């Protein structure tokens, strides 16, 4: 964060690509240096399909979820897959 503003997201993919694969020193590298920015968000009243479409368009696997412009949660491809799998079981 920059004050109260969310400036990016640090994911497992960021860690693998920008730290492990690049051979970066984890003792001196900051989150800011390897995070993905800006954080792409979706409003909480959007559908799962809307979120999935946005992820596909942006080639990302995580979205911030906002309520009135304020970050209230996160959703990932894994969350969507679990949701769809559970729907099929019902």
N, C-alpha and C. Protein backbone atom coordinates (compact mmCIF):
# COMPACT_ATOMS: atom_id res chain seq x y z
N UNK A 1 0.83 -1.19 0.00
CA UNK A 1 0.00 0.00 0.00
C UNK A 1 0.87 1.25 0.00
N UNK A 2 0.30 2.29 -0.50
CA UNK A 2 0.93 3.60 -0.48
C UNK A 2 -0.01 4.48 0.34
N UNK A 3 0.22 4.53 1.66
CA UNK A 3 -0.78 5.14 2.53
C UNK A 3 -1.92 4.16 2.66
N UNK A 4 -3.10 4.52 2.13
CA UNK A 4 -4.24 3.62 2.14
C UNK A 4 -4.56 3.07 0.76
N UNK A 5 -3.78 3.47 -0.23
CA UNK A 5 -4.02 3.04 -1.61
C UNK A 5 -3.28 1.73 -1.90
N UNK A 6 -4.01 0.76 -2.46
CA UNK A 6 -3.41 -0.50 -2.87
C UNK A 6 -2.65 -0.24 -4.17
N UNK A 7 -1.37 -0.58 -4.19
CA UNK A 7 -0.55 -0.27 -5.37
C UNK A 7 -0.23 -1.50 -6.22
N UNK A 8 -0.48 -2.69 -5.72
CA UNK A 8 -0.18 -3.89 -6.49
C UNK A 8 -0.52 -5.14 -5.73
N UNK A 9 -0.15 -6.26 -6.31
CA UNK A 9 -0.41 -7.56 -5.71
C UNK A 9 0.84 -8.43 -5.90
N UNK A 10 1.14 -9.22 -4.90
CA UNK A 10 2.28 -10.14 -4.96
C UNK A 10 1.71 -11.56 -4.93
N UNK A 11 1.88 -12.27 -6.03
CA UNK A 11 1.31 -13.61 -6.16
C UNK A 11 2.40 -14.67 -6.19
N UNK A 12 1.97 -15.90 -6.11
CA UNK A 12 2.91 -17.01 -6.22
C UNK A 12 3.62 -16.99 -7.57
N UNK A 13 2.92 -16.61 -8.61
CA UNK A 13 3.53 -16.53 -9.93
C UNK A 13 4.61 -15.45 -9.97
N UNK A 14 4.34 -14.30 -9.34
CA UNK A 14 5.36 -13.25 -9.25
C UNK A 14 6.62 -13.78 -8.57
N UNK A 15 6.43 -14.52 -7.49
CA UNK A 15 7.57 -15.05 -6.75
C UNK A 15 8.39 -16.01 -7.61
N UNK A 16 7.71 -16.90 -8.30
CA UNK A 16 8.42 -17.89 -9.12
C UNK A 16 9.14 -17.22 -10.28
N UNK A 17 8.43 -16.36 -11.00
CA UNK A 17 9.03 -15.74 -12.20
C UNK A 17 10.08 -14.69 -11.87
N UNK A 18 9.80 -13.86 -10.89
CA UNK A 18 10.66 -12.70 -10.66
C UNK A 18 11.69 -12.88 -9.55
N UNK A 19 11.59 -13.98 -8.81
CA UNK A 19 12.56 -14.23 -7.74
C UNK A 19 13.29 -15.54 -8.01
N UNK A 20 12.57 -16.63 -7.95
CA UNK A 20 13.19 -17.95 -8.08
C UNK A 20 13.85 -18.12 -9.44
N UNK A 21 13.09 -17.94 -10.52
CA UNK A 21 13.64 -18.14 -11.87
C UNK A 21 14.72 -17.13 -12.22
N UNK A 22 14.59 -15.91 -11.67
CA UNK A 22 15.56 -14.86 -11.98
C UNK A 22 16.78 -14.90 -11.07
N UNK A 23 16.74 -15.74 -10.05
CA UNK A 23 17.86 -15.85 -9.13
C UNK A 23 18.09 -14.59 -8.30
N UNK A 24 17.01 -13.92 -7.96
CA UNK A 24 17.09 -12.66 -7.21
C UNK A 24 17.34 -12.94 -5.73
N UNK A 25 18.07 -12.07 -5.08
CA UNK A 25 18.37 -12.19 -3.65
C UNK A 25 17.13 -11.83 -2.83
N UNK A 26 16.56 -12.81 -2.17
CA UNK A 26 15.33 -12.59 -1.40
C UNK A 26 15.57 -11.76 -0.14
N UNK A 27 16.80 -11.64 0.29
CA UNK A 27 17.09 -10.86 1.48
C UNK A 27 17.09 -9.35 1.22
N UNK A 28 17.27 -8.98 -0.04
CA UNK A 28 17.33 -7.55 -0.35
C UNK A 28 16.22 -7.08 -1.29
N UNK A 29 15.50 -8.02 -1.90
CA UNK A 29 14.44 -7.66 -2.85
C UNK A 29 13.17 -7.30 -2.09
N UNK A 30 12.54 -6.20 -2.48
CA UNK A 30 11.31 -5.76 -1.83
C UNK A 30 10.09 -6.25 -2.61
N UNK A 31 8.96 -6.28 -1.93
CA UNK A 31 7.70 -6.66 -2.57
C UNK A 31 7.41 -5.72 -3.75
N UNK A 32 7.69 -4.46 -3.56
CA UNK A 32 7.43 -3.47 -4.62
C UNK A 32 8.20 -3.80 -5.90
N UNK A 33 9.38 -4.36 -5.77
CA UNK A 33 10.20 -4.67 -6.93
C UNK A 33 9.67 -5.83 -7.75
N UNK A 34 8.89 -6.71 -7.14
CA UNK A 34 8.45 -7.91 -7.86
C UNK A 34 6.93 -8.02 -8.00
N UNK A 35 6.18 -7.12 -7.39
CA UNK A 35 4.72 -7.21 -7.44
C UNK A 35 4.20 -6.90 -8.85
N UNK A 36 2.97 -7.33 -9.09
CA UNK A 36 2.26 -6.96 -10.30
C UNK A 36 1.45 -5.72 -9.99
N UNK A 37 1.53 -4.74 -10.85
CA UNK A 37 0.81 -3.48 -10.62
C UNK A 37 0.30 -2.94 -11.94
N UNK A 38 -0.85 -2.30 -11.90
CA UNK A 38 -1.70 -2.08 -10.74
C UNK A 38 -2.56 -3.31 -10.46
N UNK A 39 -3.18 -3.34 -9.30
CA UNK A 39 -4.11 -4.40 -8.96
C UNK A 39 -5.39 -4.21 -9.78
N UNK A 40 -5.74 -5.23 -10.55
CA UNK A 40 -6.98 -5.19 -11.34
C UNK A 40 -8.11 -5.61 -10.41
N UNK A 41 -9.22 -4.88 -10.46
CA UNK A 41 -10.32 -5.14 -9.54
C UNK A 41 -11.65 -5.34 -10.28
N UNK A 42 -12.57 -5.92 -9.56
CA UNK A 42 -13.94 -6.11 -10.03
C UNK A 42 -14.87 -5.74 -8.87
N UNK A 43 -15.97 -5.07 -9.17
CA UNK A 43 -16.93 -4.72 -8.13
C UNK A 43 -17.64 -5.99 -7.64
N UNK A 44 -17.99 -6.01 -6.38
CA UNK A 44 -18.56 -7.21 -5.76
C UNK A 44 -19.89 -7.65 -6.36
N UNK A 45 -20.60 -6.75 -7.03
CA UNK A 45 -21.90 -7.12 -7.60
C UNK A 45 -21.80 -7.70 -9.00
N UNK A 46 -20.58 -7.85 -9.52
CA UNK A 46 -20.39 -8.46 -10.83
C UNK A 46 -20.49 -9.98 -10.70
N UNK A 47 -20.81 -10.63 -11.81
CA UNK A 47 -20.98 -12.08 -11.79
C UNK A 47 -19.63 -12.80 -11.84
N UNK A 48 -19.69 -14.09 -11.56
CA UNK A 48 -18.50 -14.94 -11.67
C UNK A 48 -18.02 -14.92 -13.12
N UNK A 49 -18.94 -14.92 -14.07
CA UNK A 49 -18.57 -14.86 -15.48
C UNK A 49 -17.85 -13.55 -15.79
N UNK A 50 -18.34 -12.43 -15.23
CA UNK A 50 -17.67 -11.14 -15.42
C UNK A 50 -16.23 -11.20 -14.92
N UNK A 51 -16.06 -11.75 -13.73
CA UNK A 51 -14.72 -11.85 -13.13
C UNK A 51 -13.82 -12.75 -13.98
N UNK A 52 -14.34 -13.87 -14.41
CA UNK A 52 -13.59 -14.81 -15.24
C UNK A 52 -13.19 -14.16 -16.56
N UNK A 53 -14.12 -13.46 -17.19
CA UNK A 53 -13.84 -12.77 -18.45
C UNK A 53 -12.74 -11.73 -18.28
N UNK A 54 -12.80 -10.97 -17.19
CA UNK A 54 -11.80 -9.94 -16.92
C UNK A 54 -10.42 -10.56 -16.74
N UNK A 55 -10.37 -11.67 -15.99
CA UNK A 55 -9.10 -12.37 -15.82
C UNK A 55 -8.54 -12.83 -17.16
N UNK A 56 -9.39 -13.37 -18.00
CA UNK A 56 -8.94 -13.85 -19.31
C UNK A 56 -8.45 -12.69 -20.18
N UNK A 57 -9.18 -11.59 -20.18
CA UNK A 57 -8.79 -10.42 -20.98
C UNK A 57 -7.45 -9.86 -20.54
N UNK A 58 -7.22 -9.83 -19.23
CA UNK A 58 -5.99 -9.23 -18.68
C UNK A 58 -4.86 -10.24 -18.51
N UNK A 59 -5.15 -11.53 -18.78
CA UNK A 59 -4.15 -12.60 -18.61
C UNK A 59 -3.62 -12.63 -17.18
N UNK A 60 -4.54 -12.61 -16.22
CA UNK A 60 -4.19 -12.66 -14.81
C UNK A 60 -4.97 -13.76 -14.11
N UNK A 61 -4.54 -14.11 -12.90
CA UNK A 61 -5.19 -15.19 -12.15
C UNK A 61 -5.81 -14.73 -10.84
N UNK A 62 -5.65 -13.44 -10.51
CA UNK A 62 -6.20 -12.90 -9.27
C UNK A 62 -6.82 -11.53 -9.53
N UNK A 63 -7.93 -11.26 -8.84
CA UNK A 63 -8.59 -9.96 -8.92
C UNK A 63 -8.87 -9.46 -7.51
N UNK A 64 -8.73 -8.17 -7.32
CA UNK A 64 -9.23 -7.57 -6.10
C UNK A 64 -10.73 -7.39 -6.24
N UNK A 65 -11.46 -7.55 -5.17
CA UNK A 65 -12.91 -7.34 -5.18
C UNK A 65 -13.18 -6.07 -4.39
N UNK A 66 -13.92 -5.16 -5.01
CA UNK A 66 -14.19 -3.87 -4.38
C UNK A 66 -15.66 -3.67 -4.11
N UNK A 67 -15.90 -2.82 -3.12
CA UNK A 67 -17.26 -2.40 -2.77
C UNK A 67 -17.19 -0.88 -2.67
N UNK A 68 -17.83 -0.20 -3.61
CA UNK A 68 -17.77 1.25 -3.61
C UNK A 68 -16.36 1.78 -3.76
N UNK A 69 -15.53 1.05 -4.50
CA UNK A 69 -14.15 1.47 -4.73
C UNK A 69 -13.17 1.06 -3.64
N UNK A 70 -13.66 0.46 -2.56
CA UNK A 70 -12.79 0.02 -1.47
C UNK A 70 -12.54 -1.48 -1.59
N UNK A 71 -11.27 -1.90 -1.45
CA UNK A 71 -10.93 -3.31 -1.53
C UNK A 71 -11.52 -4.07 -0.35
N UNK A 72 -12.32 -5.11 -0.66
CA UNK A 72 -12.95 -5.90 0.39
C UNK A 72 -12.59 -7.39 0.31
N UNK A 73 -11.87 -7.78 -0.75
CA UNK A 73 -11.51 -9.18 -0.87
C UNK A 73 -10.71 -9.46 -2.12
N UNK A 74 -10.44 -10.74 -2.32
CA UNK A 74 -9.69 -11.20 -3.48
C UNK A 74 -10.41 -12.42 -4.04
N UNK A 75 -10.29 -12.61 -5.34
CA UNK A 75 -10.82 -13.81 -5.99
C UNK A 75 -9.76 -14.30 -6.96
N UNK A 76 -9.63 -15.61 -7.06
CA UNK A 76 -8.62 -16.20 -7.94
C UNK A 76 -9.27 -17.20 -8.88
N UNK A 77 -8.50 -17.60 -9.88
CA UNK A 77 -8.96 -18.64 -10.79
C UNK A 77 -9.30 -19.89 -10.00
N UNK A 78 -8.50 -20.20 -9.00
CA UNK A 78 -8.75 -21.38 -8.16
C UNK A 78 -10.10 -21.26 -7.45
N UNK A 79 -10.44 -20.06 -6.96
CA UNK A 79 -11.74 -19.84 -6.32
C UNK A 79 -12.88 -20.10 -7.30
N UNK A 80 -12.73 -19.60 -8.51
CA UNK A 80 -13.78 -19.78 -9.53
C UNK A 80 -13.94 -21.24 -9.89
N UNK A 81 -12.83 -21.95 -10.06
CA UNK A 81 -12.90 -23.38 -10.37
C UNK A 81 -13.58 -24.17 -9.25
N UNK A 82 -13.26 -23.84 -8.01
CA UNK A 82 -13.89 -24.52 -6.87
C UNK A 82 -15.39 -24.24 -6.85
N UNK A 83 -15.77 -23.00 -7.12
CA UNK A 83 -17.18 -22.62 -7.16
C UNK A 83 -17.91 -23.41 -8.24
N UNK A 84 -17.34 -23.47 -9.43
CA UNK A 84 -17.98 -24.18 -10.54
C UNK A 84 -18.05 -25.68 -10.28
N UNK A 85 -17.01 -26.24 -9.67
CA UNK A 85 -17.00 -27.66 -9.34
C UNK A 85 -18.11 -27.97 -8.34
N UNK A 86 -18.27 -27.11 -7.33
CA UNK A 86 -19.32 -27.32 -6.34
C UNK A 86 -20.71 -27.16 -6.94
N UNK A 87 -20.86 -26.27 -7.90
CA UNK A 87 -22.15 -26.11 -8.59
C UNK A 87 -22.54 -27.40 -9.31
N UNK A 88 -21.55 -28.01 -9.94
CA UNK A 88 -21.81 -29.25 -10.68
C UNK A 88 -22.24 -30.38 -9.77
N UNK A 89 -21.75 -30.39 -8.53
CA UNK A 89 -22.06 -31.45 -7.59
C UNK A 89 -23.48 -31.35 -7.04
N UNK A 90 -24.07 -30.17 -7.14
CA UNK A 90 -25.41 -29.96 -6.57
C UNK A 90 -26.50 -30.48 -7.46
